[in-house]
């Protein structure tokens, strides 16, 4: 049984990509039936399984994917081929893109940017104005 539907409410990005707001069809995790979520481009951006969710004004598009029990919220952006999964959280104004992976119990927040094949995992926290890119891998501690 599907946990969300894509509504007719749209938001068009400057690159002409159309995003649509999501709406919960049933209770799961901390989401209640009828709750409006954030914005996705297509169903492939957010898994129908697990407790993952896109909240608030967060945006997930291109070939990015949020799955398992991951949360994307605030004004965060996840796009290109980025992946957010397990119990990871991306929030505030964080930006995840270009094949970056956020997983485990990792958190990326504030104005942090993770891109270009970087991986944040384990119990790592990337925050503030931190930028992590290239083949960088962060598995613990805090980078702010």
N, C-alpha and C. Protein backbone atom coordinates (compact mmCIF):
# COMPACT_ATOMS: atom_id res chain seq x y z
N UNK A 1 0.84 -1.19 0.00
CA UNK A 1 0.00 0.00 0.00
C UNK A 1 0.88 1.25 0.00
N UNK A 2 0.59 2.17 -0.89
CA UNK A 2 1.38 3.40 -0.98
C UNK A 2 1.25 4.23 0.28
N UNK A 3 2.32 4.90 0.64
CA UNK A 3 2.27 5.75 1.83
C UNK A 3 2.05 7.22 1.50
N UNK A 4 2.29 7.60 0.24
CA UNK A 4 2.07 8.99 -0.15
C UNK A 4 1.61 9.08 -1.60
N UNK A 5 1.09 10.24 -1.93
CA UNK A 5 0.73 10.55 -3.31
C UNK A 5 1.36 11.89 -3.67
N UNK A 6 1.53 12.10 -4.95
CA UNK A 6 2.03 13.38 -5.43
C UNK A 6 0.81 14.24 -5.75
N UNK A 7 0.74 15.43 -5.17
CA UNK A 7 -0.42 16.30 -5.37
C UNK A 7 -0.28 17.10 -6.66
N UNK A 8 -1.27 17.89 -6.95
CA UNK A 8 -1.24 18.78 -8.12
C UNK A 8 -0.59 20.11 -7.82
N UNK A 9 -0.22 20.34 -6.55
CA UNK A 9 0.46 21.59 -6.19
C UNK A 9 1.88 21.56 -6.75
N UNK A 10 2.24 22.56 -7.53
CA UNK A 10 3.54 22.55 -8.20
C UNK A 10 4.41 23.73 -7.80
N UNK A 11 5.69 23.54 -8.03
CA UNK A 11 6.72 24.57 -7.81
C UNK A 11 7.72 24.38 -8.94
N UNK A 12 8.00 25.43 -9.70
CA UNK A 12 8.91 25.32 -10.84
C UNK A 12 10.26 25.95 -10.49
N UNK A 13 11.32 25.15 -10.63
CA UNK A 13 12.67 25.63 -10.36
C UNK A 13 13.15 26.54 -11.49
N UNK A 14 14.22 27.27 -11.25
CA UNK A 14 14.77 28.17 -12.27
C UNK A 14 15.22 27.42 -13.53
N UNK A 15 15.57 26.13 -13.38
CA UNK A 15 15.98 25.34 -14.55
C UNK A 15 14.78 24.70 -15.25
N UNK A 16 13.58 25.12 -14.88
CA UNK A 16 12.31 24.67 -15.47
C UNK A 16 11.85 23.29 -14.99
N UNK A 17 12.54 22.69 -14.03
CA UNK A 17 12.09 21.42 -13.45
C UNK A 17 10.86 21.69 -12.59
N UNK A 18 9.82 20.90 -12.78
CA UNK A 18 8.60 21.05 -12.00
C UNK A 18 8.60 20.06 -10.84
N UNK A 19 8.45 20.58 -9.63
CA UNK A 19 8.35 19.76 -8.43
C UNK A 19 6.90 19.75 -7.97
N UNK A 20 6.53 18.68 -7.29
CA UNK A 20 5.17 18.57 -6.77
C UNK A 20 5.22 18.24 -5.29
N UNK A 21 4.27 18.80 -4.56
CA UNK A 21 4.17 18.53 -3.12
C UNK A 21 3.64 17.11 -2.91
N UNK A 22 4.06 16.48 -1.83
CA UNK A 22 3.58 15.14 -1.49
C UNK A 22 2.58 15.20 -0.34
N UNK A 23 1.74 14.18 -0.27
CA UNK A 23 0.73 14.10 0.79
C UNK A 23 0.67 12.66 1.29
N UNK A 24 0.70 12.49 2.62
CA UNK A 24 0.66 11.16 3.23
C UNK A 24 -0.71 10.52 3.06
N UNK A 25 -0.72 9.25 2.67
CA UNK A 25 -1.96 8.49 2.51
C UNK A 25 -2.27 7.64 3.73
N UNK A 26 -1.29 7.49 4.62
CA UNK A 26 -1.48 6.69 5.84
C UNK A 26 -0.48 7.15 6.90
N UNK A 27 -0.68 6.75 8.11
CA UNK A 27 0.26 7.05 9.20
C UNK A 27 1.50 6.18 9.07
N UNK A 28 2.66 6.75 9.31
CA UNK A 28 3.92 6.01 9.40
C UNK A 28 4.93 6.92 10.08
N UNK A 29 5.84 6.32 10.87
CA UNK A 29 6.83 7.13 11.59
C UNK A 29 6.15 8.28 12.31
N UNK A 30 6.65 9.50 12.10
CA UNK A 30 6.04 10.68 12.73
C UNK A 30 5.11 11.43 11.77
N UNK A 31 4.76 10.78 10.67
CA UNK A 31 3.88 11.38 9.66
C UNK A 31 2.47 10.81 9.83
N UNK A 32 1.49 11.68 9.76
CA UNK A 32 0.09 11.27 9.89
C UNK A 32 -0.62 11.36 8.55
N UNK A 33 -1.60 10.51 8.35
CA UNK A 33 -2.41 10.52 7.13
C UNK A 33 -2.91 11.94 6.88
N UNK A 34 -2.74 12.43 5.67
CA UNK A 34 -3.19 13.77 5.30
C UNK A 34 -2.12 14.84 5.42
N UNK A 35 -1.01 14.54 6.12
CA UNK A 35 0.08 15.53 6.25
C UNK A 35 0.63 15.87 4.86
N UNK A 36 0.88 17.15 4.64
CA UNK A 36 1.57 17.57 3.43
C UNK A 36 3.05 17.53 3.69
N UNK A 37 3.80 17.07 2.72
CA UNK A 37 5.25 17.02 2.85
C UNK A 37 5.90 18.07 2.00
N UNK A 38 7.15 17.82 1.65
CA UNK A 38 7.91 18.74 0.82
C UNK A 38 7.67 18.49 -0.65
N UNK A 39 8.71 18.69 -1.44
CA UNK A 39 8.60 18.70 -2.89
C UNK A 39 9.49 17.64 -3.53
N UNK A 40 8.93 16.88 -4.47
CA UNK A 40 9.72 15.93 -5.25
C UNK A 40 9.36 16.10 -6.73
N UNK A 41 10.25 15.64 -7.58
CA UNK A 41 9.98 15.71 -9.02
C UNK A 41 9.17 14.51 -9.50
N UNK A 42 9.50 13.33 -8.95
CA UNK A 42 8.86 12.09 -9.41
C UNK A 42 8.88 11.07 -8.28
N UNK A 43 8.05 10.06 -8.42
CA UNK A 43 7.93 9.05 -7.36
C UNK A 43 9.25 8.35 -7.06
N UNK A 44 10.13 8.22 -8.04
CA UNK A 44 11.42 7.57 -7.82
C UNK A 44 12.31 8.34 -6.84
N UNK A 45 11.99 9.58 -6.55
CA UNK A 45 12.80 10.37 -5.61
C UNK A 45 12.59 9.98 -4.16
N UNK A 46 11.42 9.42 -3.83
CA UNK A 46 11.09 9.08 -2.44
C UNK A 46 10.46 7.70 -2.40
N UNK A 47 11.09 6.80 -1.67
CA UNK A 47 10.59 5.43 -1.57
C UNK A 47 9.21 5.39 -0.92
N UNK A 48 8.40 4.46 -1.37
CA UNK A 48 7.09 4.22 -0.77
C UNK A 48 7.23 3.28 0.45
N UNK A 49 8.43 2.77 0.68
CA UNK A 49 8.67 1.86 1.79
C UNK A 49 9.40 2.57 2.92
N UNK A 50 9.39 1.96 4.11
CA UNK A 50 10.08 2.55 5.26
C UNK A 50 9.38 3.80 5.76
N UNK A 51 10.07 4.54 6.63
CA UNK A 51 9.51 5.75 7.22
C UNK A 51 10.15 7.01 6.64
N UNK A 52 10.84 6.90 5.52
CA UNK A 52 11.47 8.08 4.94
C UNK A 52 10.42 9.10 4.54
N UNK A 53 10.84 10.39 4.58
CA UNK A 53 9.89 11.45 4.25
C UNK A 53 10.64 12.72 3.88
N UNK A 54 10.02 13.51 3.05
CA UNK A 54 10.50 14.85 2.70
C UNK A 54 9.50 15.81 3.32
N UNK A 55 9.98 16.67 4.21
CA UNK A 55 9.12 17.57 4.98
C UNK A 55 9.28 19.02 4.51
N UNK A 56 8.39 19.86 5.05
CA UNK A 56 8.51 21.31 4.95
C UNK A 56 8.66 21.78 3.50
N UNK A 57 9.68 22.59 3.25
CA UNK A 57 9.95 23.10 1.91
C UNK A 57 11.14 22.40 1.26
N UNK A 58 11.55 21.27 1.81
CA UNK A 58 12.69 20.53 1.26
C UNK A 58 12.36 20.05 -0.15
N UNK A 59 13.41 19.93 -0.97
CA UNK A 59 13.24 19.55 -2.37
C UNK A 59 14.15 18.38 -2.72
N UNK A 60 13.58 17.38 -3.41
CA UNK A 60 14.34 16.23 -3.89
C UNK A 60 13.97 16.05 -5.36
N UNK A 61 14.98 16.06 -6.24
CA UNK A 61 14.69 16.00 -7.67
C UNK A 61 15.86 15.44 -8.47
N UNK A 62 15.72 15.48 -9.78
CA UNK A 62 16.62 14.82 -10.72
C UNK A 62 16.56 13.32 -10.41
N UNK A 63 17.68 12.66 -10.31
CA UNK A 63 17.69 11.23 -10.00
C UNK A 63 18.08 10.96 -8.55
N UNK A 64 17.92 11.94 -7.69
CA UNK A 64 18.19 11.77 -6.25
C UNK A 64 17.17 10.83 -5.65
N UNK A 65 17.56 10.17 -4.55
CA UNK A 65 16.68 9.20 -3.92
C UNK A 65 16.78 9.30 -2.40
N UNK A 66 15.62 9.26 -1.75
CA UNK A 66 15.51 9.21 -0.30
C UNK A 66 14.78 7.93 0.03
N UNK A 67 15.36 7.10 0.91
CA UNK A 67 14.73 5.82 1.22
C UNK A 67 15.03 5.36 2.64
N UNK A 68 14.56 4.19 2.99
CA UNK A 68 14.67 3.60 4.32
C UNK A 68 13.95 4.48 5.33
N UNK A 69 14.65 4.99 6.34
CA UNK A 69 14.04 5.84 7.36
C UNK A 69 14.65 7.24 7.35
N UNK A 70 15.19 7.65 6.24
CA UNK A 70 15.84 8.95 6.12
C UNK A 70 14.82 10.09 6.12
N UNK A 71 15.29 11.27 6.55
CA UNK A 71 14.45 12.46 6.59
C UNK A 71 15.17 13.62 5.93
N UNK A 72 14.43 14.34 5.10
CA UNK A 72 14.94 15.56 4.48
C UNK A 72 13.93 16.64 4.82
N UNK A 73 14.39 17.72 5.47
CA UNK A 73 13.42 18.73 5.92
C UNK A 73 14.01 20.13 5.98
N UNK A 74 13.19 21.06 6.42
CA UNK A 74 13.59 22.47 6.39
C UNK A 74 13.57 22.96 4.96
N UNK A 75 14.65 23.61 4.56
CA UNK A 75 14.78 24.10 3.18
C UNK A 75 15.92 23.38 2.46
N UNK A 76 16.14 22.12 2.80
CA UNK A 76 17.23 21.34 2.24
C UNK A 76 16.96 20.96 0.78
N UNK A 77 18.06 20.74 0.04
CA UNK A 77 17.99 20.34 -1.36
C UNK A 77 18.78 19.04 -1.54
N UNK A 78 18.18 18.07 -2.21
CA UNK A 78 18.86 16.83 -2.57
C UNK A 78 18.58 16.62 -4.05
N UNK A 79 19.63 16.57 -4.87
CA UNK A 79 19.41 16.47 -6.31
C UNK A 79 20.58 15.82 -7.03
N UNK A 80 20.51 15.79 -8.35
CA UNK A 80 21.40 15.03 -9.23
C UNK A 80 21.27 13.56 -8.85
N UNK A 81 22.34 12.88 -8.61
CA UNK A 81 22.31 11.44 -8.33
C UNK A 81 22.52 11.16 -6.83
N UNK A 82 22.25 12.13 -5.98
CA UNK A 82 22.49 11.98 -4.54
C UNK A 82 21.57 10.94 -3.92
N UNK A 83 22.06 10.31 -2.83
CA UNK A 83 21.28 9.30 -2.09
C UNK A 83 21.29 9.65 -0.61
N UNK A 84 20.13 9.58 0.01
CA UNK A 84 20.00 9.75 1.46
C UNK A 84 19.22 8.54 1.95
N UNK A 85 19.82 7.74 2.84
CA UNK A 85 19.15 6.52 3.26
C UNK A 85 19.56 6.11 4.67
N UNK A 86 19.12 4.94 5.10
CA UNK A 86 19.22 4.46 6.48
C UNK A 86 18.44 5.41 7.37
N UNK A 87 19.07 5.94 8.44
CA UNK A 87 18.40 6.88 9.34
C UNK A 87 18.98 8.29 9.20
N UNK A 88 19.60 8.56 8.07
CA UNK A 88 20.25 9.86 7.84
C UNK A 88 19.23 11.00 7.82
N UNK A 89 19.72 12.20 8.18
CA UNK A 89 18.89 13.39 8.15
C UNK A 89 19.63 14.51 7.44
N UNK A 90 18.92 15.20 6.57
CA UNK A 90 19.43 16.37 5.86
C UNK A 90 18.43 17.48 6.13
N UNK A 91 18.91 18.61 6.68
CA UNK A 91 17.95 19.65 7.06
C UNK A 91 18.55 21.04 7.09
N UNK A 92 17.75 22.00 7.49
CA UNK A 92 18.05 23.42 7.41
C UNK A 92 18.22 23.80 5.94
N UNK A 93 19.33 24.39 5.57
CA UNK A 93 19.57 24.79 4.19
C UNK A 93 20.64 23.92 3.53
N UNK A 94 20.82 22.72 4.02
CA UNK A 94 21.86 21.83 3.49
C UNK A 94 21.58 21.48 2.03
N UNK A 95 22.66 21.22 1.30
CA UNK A 95 22.57 20.87 -0.11
C UNK A 95 23.39 19.61 -0.37
N UNK A 96 22.74 18.60 -0.93
CA UNK A 96 23.37 17.31 -1.23
C UNK A 96 23.19 17.06 -2.72
N UNK A 97 24.29 16.83 -3.45
CA UNK A 97 24.16 16.65 -4.89
C UNK A 97 25.35 15.89 -5.48
N UNK A 98 25.32 15.71 -6.79
CA UNK A 98 26.42 15.13 -7.56
C UNK A 98 26.96 13.82 -6.99
N UNK A 99 26.09 12.82 -6.89
CA UNK A 99 26.48 11.47 -6.45
C UNK A 99 26.89 11.37 -4.99
N UNK A 100 26.62 12.37 -4.19
CA UNK A 100 26.93 12.29 -2.75
C UNK A 100 26.02 11.27 -2.09
N UNK A 101 26.53 10.65 -1.01
CA UNK A 101 25.77 9.66 -0.26
C UNK A 101 25.76 10.07 1.21
N UNK A 102 24.57 10.12 1.79
CA UNK A 102 24.40 10.39 3.22
C UNK A 102 23.66 9.19 3.77
N UNK A 103 24.25 8.49 4.74
CA UNK A 103 23.62 7.27 5.24
C UNK A 103 23.98 7.00 6.69
N UNK A 104 23.55 5.86 7.20
CA UNK A 104 23.77 5.54 8.60
C UNK A 104 22.93 6.47 9.46
N UNK A 105 23.54 6.99 10.52
CA UNK A 105 22.88 7.96 11.40
C UNK A 105 23.40 9.37 11.14
N UNK A 106 24.00 9.58 9.99
CA UNK A 106 24.63 10.86 9.67
C UNK A 106 23.61 11.99 9.59
N UNK A 107 24.10 13.20 9.89
CA UNK A 107 23.28 14.40 9.80
C UNK A 107 24.06 15.46 9.04
N UNK A 108 23.38 16.12 8.11
CA UNK A 108 23.96 17.24 7.37
C UNK A 108 22.97 18.39 7.54
N UNK A 109 23.46 19.52 8.05
CA UNK A 109 22.53 20.59 8.39
C UNK A 109 23.15 21.98 8.22
N UNK A 110 22.42 22.98 8.65
CA UNK A 110 22.79 24.38 8.50
C UNK A 110 22.96 24.69 7.02
N UNK A 111 24.07 25.29 6.64
CA UNK A 111 24.33 25.63 5.23
C UNK A 111 25.36 24.70 4.60
N UNK A 112 25.54 23.54 5.19
CA UNK A 112 26.55 22.59 4.70
C UNK A 112 26.21 22.10 3.29
N UNK A 113 27.25 21.78 2.55
CA UNK A 113 27.11 21.29 1.18
C UNK A 113 27.97 20.04 1.02
N UNK A 114 27.37 18.98 0.53
CA UNK A 114 28.08 17.72 0.28
C UNK A 114 27.83 17.35 -1.18
N UNK A 115 28.91 17.16 -1.93
CA UNK A 115 28.74 16.87 -3.35
C UNK A 115 29.94 16.13 -3.93
N UNK A 116 29.85 15.80 -5.21
CA UNK A 116 30.96 15.23 -5.98
C UNK A 116 31.48 13.93 -5.38
N UNK A 117 30.60 12.93 -5.22
CA UNK A 117 30.96 11.59 -4.75
C UNK A 117 31.37 11.49 -3.29
N UNK A 118 31.20 12.53 -2.50
CA UNK A 118 31.53 12.47 -1.07
C UNK A 118 30.52 11.57 -0.35
N UNK A 119 30.96 10.96 0.76
CA UNK A 119 30.11 10.10 1.56
C UNK A 119 30.16 10.53 3.02
N UNK A 120 28.99 10.71 3.60
CA UNK A 120 28.86 11.02 5.03
C UNK A 120 28.07 9.86 5.63
N UNK A 121 28.64 9.18 6.62
CA UNK A 121 27.98 7.98 7.14
C UNK A 121 28.31 7.77 8.60
N UNK A 122 27.85 6.66 9.16
CA UNK A 122 28.06 6.40 10.58
C UNK A 122 27.31 7.43 11.40
N UNK A 123 27.98 7.98 12.41
CA UNK A 123 27.36 8.99 13.27
C UNK A 123 27.91 10.38 12.97
N UNK A 124 28.40 10.58 11.79
CA UNK A 124 29.00 11.87 11.42
C UNK A 124 27.95 12.98 11.36
N UNK A 125 28.42 14.20 11.66
CA UNK A 125 27.57 15.38 11.52
C UNK A 125 28.35 16.44 10.77
N UNK A 126 27.78 16.94 9.69
CA UNK A 126 28.39 18.00 8.90
C UNK A 126 27.44 19.19 9.00
N UNK A 127 27.96 20.32 9.50
CA UNK A 127 27.07 21.43 9.78
C UNK A 127 27.76 22.77 9.52
N UNK A 128 27.11 23.84 9.91
CA UNK A 128 27.66 25.18 9.69
C UNK A 128 27.77 25.45 8.20
N UNK A 129 28.88 26.03 7.80
CA UNK A 129 29.12 26.32 6.39
C UNK A 129 30.10 25.32 5.77
N UNK A 130 30.18 24.14 6.36
CA UNK A 130 31.13 23.12 5.89
C UNK A 130 30.81 22.68 4.47
N UNK A 131 31.87 22.37 3.72
CA UNK A 131 31.74 21.84 2.36
C UNK A 131 32.58 20.58 2.29
N UNK A 132 31.95 19.46 1.88
CA UNK A 132 32.64 18.19 1.75
C UNK A 132 32.42 17.71 0.32
N UNK A 133 33.51 17.39 -0.38
CA UNK A 133 33.37 17.02 -1.79
C UNK A 133 34.52 16.12 -2.23
N UNK A 134 34.52 15.79 -3.50
CA UNK A 134 35.54 14.89 -4.04
C UNK A 134 35.27 13.48 -3.57
N UNK A 135 36.28 12.75 -3.31
CA UNK A 135 36.14 11.37 -2.84
C UNK A 135 36.16 11.31 -1.31
N UNK A 136 35.91 12.43 -0.64
CA UNK A 136 35.96 12.50 0.82
C UNK A 136 34.95 11.55 1.45
N UNK A 137 35.36 10.97 2.58
CA UNK A 137 34.48 10.09 3.35
C UNK A 137 34.58 10.51 4.82
N UNK A 138 33.42 10.81 5.41
CA UNK A 138 33.36 11.24 6.80
C UNK A 138 32.46 10.23 7.52
N UNK A 139 33.03 9.57 8.55
CA UNK A 139 32.25 8.51 9.21
C UNK A 139 31.96 8.78 10.68
N UNK A 140 32.55 9.76 11.27
CA UNK A 140 32.30 10.05 12.66
C UNK A 140 32.72 11.47 12.99
N UNK A 141 32.37 11.92 14.14
CA UNK A 141 32.73 13.27 14.55
C UNK A 141 31.85 14.32 13.92
N UNK A 142 32.30 15.55 14.09
CA UNK A 142 31.51 16.69 13.62
C UNK A 142 32.39 17.62 12.82
N UNK A 143 31.93 18.02 11.65
CA UNK A 143 32.62 19.00 10.82
C UNK A 143 31.70 20.20 10.70
N UNK A 144 32.13 21.31 11.27
CA UNK A 144 31.30 22.51 11.23
C UNK A 144 32.13 23.70 10.79
